[in-house]
């Protein structure tokens, strides 16, 4: 069959148009694929630059002093370059035995940092709530305050016996603290030494900013003799605590006052005078606490 010139031109034009459209389609597909590949590479690059970090959950604000719990924290992926070093990559650290409290108000979506909170006592097997009624207490002491227990000798030596302990509860002359076994041994030793050393005193002193201040270093040395006392008589510590409490509460007010002493004062007389003054101070601060109703 012989095709006329017109039909030949039509067929030629068709194939030329078809191949042009096919070529344009191929070019379009290549361009789209290249664009997709570039977007995918950019996405993968961004994914590589993202790191999981702990932030405060949406709609949540953790107030200063409020406990930080896992339900208030969520995990979020953000740019690695925007993450501080003291952040957390997982909130699994909140599932340990440590209770954490916010130092400042922390708003929603804020990255949680280690310097934004402080930790309470680690709940260990040997942790107990201990009651003491022979420790001189600050007149403005409140529950939740942090204190050092110190031991002052008539020589002027002043030792830290227990460091940065949270006050569970307190009354006019009694304080309850969380103490571990080591802390109990130290305060037991200091209690016994205070009992046998006239003019000495155990007292509590508050932290000004417990959320910002590190715990003081314990400086009190347990006496070898006290260790022997504790070993030989397990009940001695409790007996001494009772005796010390009685000595503080039932002291006599008719002891000689320093201002009324004669000029032939002897150095060895200083201990009973100092003891009397300390007991007066204890009673005065107990009265101040009772008047303020901080118990």
Protein backbone atom coordinates (compact mmCIF):
# COMPACT_ATOMS: atom_id res chain seq x y z
CA UNK A 1 0.00 0.00 0.00
CA UNK A 2 1.45 3.28 -1.11
CA UNK A 3 1.06 6.26 1.24
CA UNK A 4 0.56 9.69 -0.10
CA UNK A 5 2.86 12.57 0.80
CA UNK A 6 0.21 14.01 3.16
CA UNK A 7 -0.13 10.80 5.14
CA UNK A 8 3.62 10.38 5.34
CA UNK A 9 3.95 13.87 6.78
CA UNK A 10 1.18 13.15 9.29
CA UNK A 11 2.79 9.87 10.43
CA UNK A 12 6.20 11.52 10.63
CA UNK A 13 4.76 14.42 12.61
CA UNK A 14 3.01 11.97 14.97
CA UNK A 15 6.17 10.00 15.74
CA UNK A 16 8.19 13.17 16.11
CA UNK A 17 5.60 14.58 18.54
CA UNK A 18 5.42 11.26 20.38
CA UNK A 19 9.17 11.09 20.83
CA UNK A 20 9.28 14.73 21.87
CA UNK A 21 6.54 14.12 24.47
CA UNK A 22 8.33 10.96 25.60
CA UNK A 23 11.58 12.87 25.92
CA UNK A 24 9.86 15.69 27.82
CA UNK A 25 8.22 13.10 30.10
CA UNK A 26 11.55 11.40 30.75
CA UNK A 27 13.17 14.75 31.50
CA UNK A 28 10.29 15.65 33.82
CA UNK A 29 10.57 12.32 35.62
CA UNK A 30 14.31 12.79 36.01
CA UNK A 31 13.83 16.31 37.33
CA UNK A 32 11.12 15.18 39.77
CA UNK A 33 13.27 12.26 40.91
CA UNK A 34 16.26 14.52 41.41
CA UNK A 35 14.14 16.95 43.41
CA UNK A 36 12.73 14.11 45.49
CA UNK A 37 16.23 12.76 46.05
CA UNK A 38 17.43 16.19 47.17
CA UNK A 39 14.47 16.53 49.57
CA UNK A 40 15.11 13.03 50.91
CA UNK A 41 18.79 13.77 51.41
CA UNK A 42 17.94 17.02 53.18
CA UNK A 43 15.43 15.20 55.37
CA UNK A 44 17.98 12.52 56.23
CA UNK A 45 20.52 15.20 56.98
CA UNK A 46 18.07 16.94 59.27
CA UNK A 47 17.26 13.63 60.96
CA UNK A 48 20.96 13.08 61.58
CA UNK A 49 21.16 16.53 63.16
CA UNK A 50 18.23 15.86 65.52
CA UNK A 51 18.69 14.46 69.02
CA UNK A 52 16.12 13.26 71.53
CA UNK A 53 15.96 15.46 74.60
CA UNK A 54 13.74 15.77 77.69
CA UNK A 55 11.44 18.80 77.78
CA UNK A 56 8.55 19.90 79.96
CA UNK A 57 5.29 18.60 78.47
CA UNK A 58 2.82 20.83 76.63
CA UNK A 59 0.53 22.74 78.97
CA UNK A 60 2.69 21.99 82.01
CA UNK A 61 4.59 24.46 84.18
CA UNK A 62 6.71 23.07 87.01
CA UNK A 63 6.79 25.59 89.85
CA UNK A 64 9.88 26.22 91.99
CA UNK A 65 9.95 23.66 94.81
CA UNK A 66 7.56 21.32 92.97
CA UNK A 67 8.54 17.69 92.45
CA UNK A 68 9.62 16.77 88.92
CA UNK A 69 7.86 13.55 87.90
CA UNK A 70 7.87 11.57 84.65
CA UNK A 71 4.29 12.58 83.74
CA UNK A 72 5.42 16.25 83.55
CA UNK A 73 8.30 15.47 81.19
CA UNK A 74 8.23 14.27 77.58
CA UNK A 75 10.88 13.38 74.99
CA UNK A 76 11.29 15.54 71.90
CA UNK A 77 13.70 15.58 68.95
CA UNK A 78 15.36 18.93 68.28
CA UNK A 79 18.45 20.19 66.50
CA UNK A 80 21.60 18.83 68.10
CA UNK A 81 23.32 22.20 67.98
CA UNK A 82 20.60 23.71 70.17
CA UNK A 83 20.95 21.16 72.98
CA UNK A 84 23.00 22.12 76.09
CA UNK A 85 25.47 19.59 77.46
CA UNK A 86 23.66 19.22 80.80
CA UNK A 87 20.40 18.04 79.23
CA UNK A 88 18.95 14.51 79.21
CA UNK A 89 18.38 12.24 76.20
CA UNK A 90 15.82 10.09 77.99
CA UNK A 91 13.48 10.55 80.93
CA UNK A 92 14.38 7.10 82.24
CA UNK A 93 16.61 8.80 84.84
CA UNK A 94 13.41 9.93 86.59
CA UNK A 95 12.55 6.34 87.50
CA UNK A 96 15.31 5.94 90.10
CA UNK A 97 14.98 6.34 93.89
CA UNK A 98 15.91 10.03 93.92
CA UNK A 99 13.26 12.73 94.33
CA UNK A 100 13.93 15.89 92.32
CA UNK A 101 12.54 19.37 93.01
CA UNK A 102 12.59 22.37 90.67
CA UNK A 103 14.87 25.26 91.72
CA UNK A 104 12.97 27.69 89.49
CA UNK A 105 9.73 27.82 87.50
CA UNK A 106 10.15 25.68 84.35
CA UNK A 107 7.70 26.42 81.52
CA UNK A 108 6.28 24.07 78.91
CA UNK A 109 8.61 22.83 76.13
CA UNK A 110 11.64 23.99 78.14
CA UNK A 111 14.62 21.65 77.91
CA UNK A 112 15.21 20.08 81.32
CA UNK A 113 18.76 20.72 82.57
CA UNK A 114 20.57 19.24 85.53
CA UNK A 115 21.06 22.66 87.15
CA UNK A 116 17.31 23.33 87.15
CA UNK A 117 16.59 20.96 90.03
CA UNK A 118 17.99 19.66 93.29
CA UNK A 119 17.81 16.15 94.68
CA UNK A 120 16.46 14.90 97.97
CA UNK A 121 17.73 11.91 99.88
CA UNK A 122 18.40 8.70 98.02
CA UNK A 123 15.98 6.11 99.43
CA UNK A 124 18.32 3.36 100.55
CA UNK A 125 17.63 0.28 102.66
CA UNK A 126 19.28 1.79 105.73
CA UNK A 127 17.41 5.13 105.61
CA UNK A 128 15.32 5.79 108.72
CA UNK A 129 13.37 8.69 110.21
CA UNK A 130 15.24 9.56 113.41
CA UNK A 131 13.88 11.63 116.28
CA UNK A 132 16.11 13.87 118.41
CA UNK A 133 15.22 16.03 121.39
CA UNK A 134 18.69 17.00 122.63
CA UNK A 135 19.69 19.22 119.69
CA UNK A 136 19.50 23.00 119.91
CA UNK A 137 17.12 24.08 117.14
CA UNK A 138 16.87 27.41 115.28
CA UNK A 139 13.88 29.44 116.43
CA UNK A 140 12.54 29.81 112.86
CA UNK A 141 13.07 26.22 111.73
CA UNK A 142 10.33 24.90 109.45
CA UNK A 143 9.49 21.51 108.00
CA UNK A 144 11.31 20.95 104.70
CA UNK A 145 14.31 23.07 105.70
CA UNK A 146 17.81 21.64 105.30
CA UNK A 147 20.20 21.70 108.25
CA UNK A 148 23.66 20.66 109.34
CA UNK A 149 24.00 19.07 112.76
CA UNK A 150 27.10 20.49 114.43
CA UNK A 151 28.99 19.74 117.62
CA UNK A 152 30.52 22.66 119.55
CA UNK A 153 33.11 21.97 122.24
CA UNK A 154 33.98 24.37 125.08
CA UNK A 155 37.43 24.67 123.48
CA UNK A 156 35.80 26.40 120.50
CA UNK A 157 36.17 23.45 118.12
CA UNK A 158 33.04 23.28 115.98
CA UNK A 159 32.50 20.11 113.92
CA UNK A 160 29.97 19.17 111.23
CA UNK A 161 28.41 15.88 112.35
CA UNK A 162 25.67 15.42 109.75
CA UNK A 163 25.47 17.44 106.56
CA UNK A 164 22.43 18.87 104.74
CA UNK A 165 19.63 16.81 106.22
CA UNK A 166 16.02 17.62 105.40
CA UNK A 167 13.73 18.33 108.34
CA UNK A 168 10.85 15.86 108.14
CA UNK A 169 9.08 17.41 111.10
CA UNK A 170 9.83 19.50 114.18
CA UNK A 171 8.19 20.63 117.39
CA UNK A 172 9.28 22.98 120.16
CA UNK A 173 12.30 20.91 121.12
CA UNK A 174 12.23 17.82 118.87
CA UNK A 175 13.36 17.28 115.31
CA UNK A 176 12.85 14.37 112.90
CA UNK A 177 15.47 13.73 110.19
CA UNK A 178 16.16 11.20 107.45
CA UNK A 179 19.40 9.46 108.40
CA UNK A 180 21.34 6.55 106.98
CA UNK A 181 23.45 4.11 108.99
CA UNK A 182 26.65 6.16 108.67
CA UNK A 183 24.88 9.35 109.74
CA UNK A 184 23.43 7.53 112.74
CA UNK A 185 26.87 6.35 113.81
CA UNK A 186 28.25 9.88 113.60
CA UNK A 187 25.43 11.51 115.51
CA UNK A 188 25.48 8.70 118.07
CA UNK A 189 29.16 9.34 118.67
CA UNK A 190 28.62 13.10 118.97
CA UNK A 191 25.68 12.51 121.32
CA UNK A 192 27.78 10.39 123.67
CA UNK A 193 30.69 12.82 123.54
CA UNK A 194 28.33 15.70 124.26
CA UNK A 195 27.01 13.81 127.27
CA UNK A 196 30.46 13.24 128.78
CA UNK A 197 31.89 16.67 127.81
CA UNK A 198 30.44 19.37 129.99
CA UNK A 199 29.94 22.65 128.19
CA UNK A 200 29.56 21.06 124.75
CA UNK A 201 26.44 21.29 122.63
CA UNK A 202 24.79 19.70 119.62
CA UNK A 203 22.96 22.23 117.48
CA UNK A 204 21.27 22.53 114.08
CA UNK A 205 22.01 25.31 111.62
CA UNK A 206 19.94 26.05 108.50
CA UNK A 207 21.05 26.44 104.89
CA UNK A 208 20.35 29.89 103.44
CA UNK A 209 19.68 28.62 99.89
CA UNK A 210 19.56 24.80 99.98
CA UNK A 211 18.67 24.57 96.29
CA UNK A 212 21.90 26.35 95.36
CA UNK A 213 24.30 25.30 98.13
CA UNK A 214 26.30 22.09 98.24
CA UNK A 215 26.32 19.98 101.37
CA UNK A 216 29.01 20.88 103.88
CA UNK A 217 31.85 18.43 104.41
CA UNK A 218 31.52 16.30 107.53
CA UNK A 219 34.45 17.14 109.81
CA UNK A 220 33.53 15.36 113.04
CA UNK A 221 35.91 12.49 113.91
CA UNK A 222 34.24 9.56 115.68
CA UNK A 223 36.24 8.90 118.84
CA UNK A 224 37.70 5.39 119.25
CA UNK A 225 36.38 5.29 122.79
CA UNK A 226 32.90 6.12 121.55
CA UNK A 227 33.11 3.30 119.03
CA UNK A 228 33.92 0.97 121.92
CA UNK A 229 30.97 2.30 123.91
CA UNK A 230 28.62 1.64 121.02
CA UNK A 231 30.06 -1.84 120.44
CA UNK A 232 29.92 -2.90 124.07
CA UNK A 233 26.51 -1.44 124.89
CA UNK A 234 24.04 -1.12 121.99
CA UNK A 235 21.52 0.54 124.29
CA UNK A 236 23.91 3.23 125.48
CA UNK A 237 23.08 5.73 122.76
CA UNK A 238 19.38 5.78 123.55
CA UNK A 239 20.13 6.06 127.29
CA UNK A 240 22.42 9.00 126.64
CA UNK A 241 19.82 10.75 124.48
CA UNK A 242 17.26 10.48 127.26
CA UNK A 243 19.75 11.80 129.82
CA UNK A 244 20.75 14.70 127.60
CA UNK A 245 17.12 15.62 127.06
CA UNK A 246 16.52 15.60 130.81
CA UNK A 247 19.61 17.70 131.41
CA UNK A 248 18.41 20.30 128.92
CA UNK A 249 14.83 20.40 130.22
CA UNK A 250 15.48 20.20 133.98
CA UNK A 251 18.49 22.44 134.38
CA UNK A 252 18.57 24.65 137.46
CA UNK A 253 18.35 28.40 136.99
CA UNK A 254 20.17 29.23 140.20
CA UNK A 255 23.67 28.58 138.90
CA UNK A 256 26.17 31.31 139.33
CA UNK A 257 25.96 33.99 136.58
CA UNK A 258 29.10 35.17 134.85
CA UNK A 259 28.47 38.81 135.81
CA UNK A 260 28.27 37.88 139.51
CA UNK A 261 31.50 35.95 139.60
CA UNK A 262 34.25 37.08 141.89
CA UNK A 263 37.54 38.47 140.70
CA UNK A 264 39.37 35.32 141.74
CA UNK A 265 37.67 33.44 138.91
CA UNK A 266 39.53 30.24 137.99
CA UNK A 267 39.70 28.84 134.41
CA UNK A 268 38.37 25.47 135.52
CA UNK A 269 35.21 27.24 136.64
CA UNK A 270 34.46 28.24 133.02
CA UNK A 271 32.94 24.89 132.06
CA UNK A 272 29.94 24.96 134.42
CA UNK A 273 29.37 28.63 133.60
CA UNK A 274 29.48 27.88 129.87
CA UNK A 275 27.17 24.92 130.39
CA UNK A 276 24.69 27.09 132.24
CA UNK A 277 24.74 29.73 129.48
CA UNK A 278 24.21 27.08 126.80
CA UNK A 279 21.26 25.62 128.67
CA UNK A 280 19.76 29.08 129.01
CA UNK A 281 20.17 29.60 125.28
CA UNK A 282 18.45 26.29 124.58
CA UNK A 283 15.48 27.17 126.76
CA UNK A 284 15.23 30.64 125.23
CA UNK A 285 15.18 29.31 121.69
CA UNK A 286 12.66 26.63 122.63
CA UNK A 287 10.43 29.36 124.06
CA UNK A 288 10.82 31.42 120.87
CA UNK A 289 9.84 28.44 118.73
CA UNK A 290 6.84 27.79 120.94
CA UNK A 291 5.74 31.42 120.70
CA UNK A 292 6.06 31.41 116.90
CA UNK A 293 4.00 28.25 116.59
CA UNK A 294 6.49 26.53 114.26
CA UNK A 295 5.51 23.05 115.42
